[in-house]
Amino acid sequence: MVAVATGTPGLVWAFVAVWVLTLVFLTRLLLRWSRRHLTGDERPRPDQGEIR
């Protein structure tokens, strides 16, 4: 980690900010996916439509 090793506060805070935003995004994505699959509220895919 060059930013952490140099001790430059701006680079450290930028790294932390990007890391936190990534964790928040992944957590929200995981929660959305798990709610959809655990409640059975999954939207049908276009290729799984009824055959008439």
Protein backbone atom coordinates (compact mmCIF):
# COMPACT_ATOMS: atom_id res chain seq x y z
CA MET A 1 0.00 0.00 0.00
CA VAL A 2 1.87 3.01 -1.24
CA ALA A 3 -0.69 5.48 0.15
CA VAL A 4 -0.50 4.05 3.64
CA ALA A 5 3.27 3.59 3.56
CA THR A 6 3.99 7.21 2.59
CA GLY A 7 1.76 8.61 5.30
CA THR A 8 0.21 11.23 3.02
CA PRO A 9 -3.09 12.07 4.73
CA GLY A 10 -4.95 12.87 1.50
CA LEU A 11 -4.10 9.56 -0.10
CA VAL A 12 -4.93 7.64 3.06
CA TRP A 13 -8.35 9.30 3.37
CA ALA A 14 -9.08 8.75 -0.32
CA PHE A 15 -8.23 5.07 0.04
CA VAL A 16 -10.41 4.76 3.15
CA ALA A 17 -13.31 6.55 1.45
CA VAL A 18 -13.21 4.29 -1.61
CA TRP A 19 -12.92 1.19 0.60
CA VAL A 20 -15.91 2.22 2.75
CA LEU A 21 -18.03 3.05 -0.29
CA THR A 22 -17.19 -0.35 -1.78
CA LEU A 23 -18.19 -2.13 1.43
CA VAL A 24 -21.46 -0.19 1.63
CA PHE A 25 -22.27 -0.98 -2.00
CA LEU A 26 -21.52 -4.69 -1.60
CA THR A 27 -23.52 -4.88 1.64
CA ARG A 28 -26.56 -3.28 0.00
CA LEU A 29 -26.22 -5.59 -2.99
CA LEU A 30 -26.03 -8.64 -0.71
CA LEU A 31 -29.05 -7.52 1.32
CA ARG A 32 -31.11 -6.90 -1.81
CA TRP A 33 -30.17 -10.28 -3.25
CA SER A 34 -30.84 -12.18 -0.02
CA ARG A 35 -34.22 -10.51 0.57
CA ARG A 36 -35.31 -11.30 -2.96
CA HIS A 37 -34.28 -14.94 -2.75
CA LEU A 38 -35.37 -15.65 0.82
CA THR A 39 -38.86 -14.17 0.40
CA GLY A 40 -39.44 -15.74 -3.02
CA ASP A 41 -40.07 -12.29 -4.46
CA GLU A 42 -37.90 -12.94 -7.48
CA ARG A 43 -39.00 -11.33 -10.70
CA PRO A 44 -39.43 -13.77 -13.59
CA ARG A 45 -36.83 -13.56 -16.30
CA PRO A 46 -37.87 -12.83 -19.87
CA ASP A 47 -36.73 -16.30 -21.01
CA GLN A 48 -38.88 -17.99 -18.32
CA GLY A 49 -42.19 -16.63 -19.54
CA GLU A 50 -45.26 -18.74 -20.17
CA ILE A 51 -45.28 -20.71 -23.41
CA ARG A 52 -48.53 -20.21 -25.31
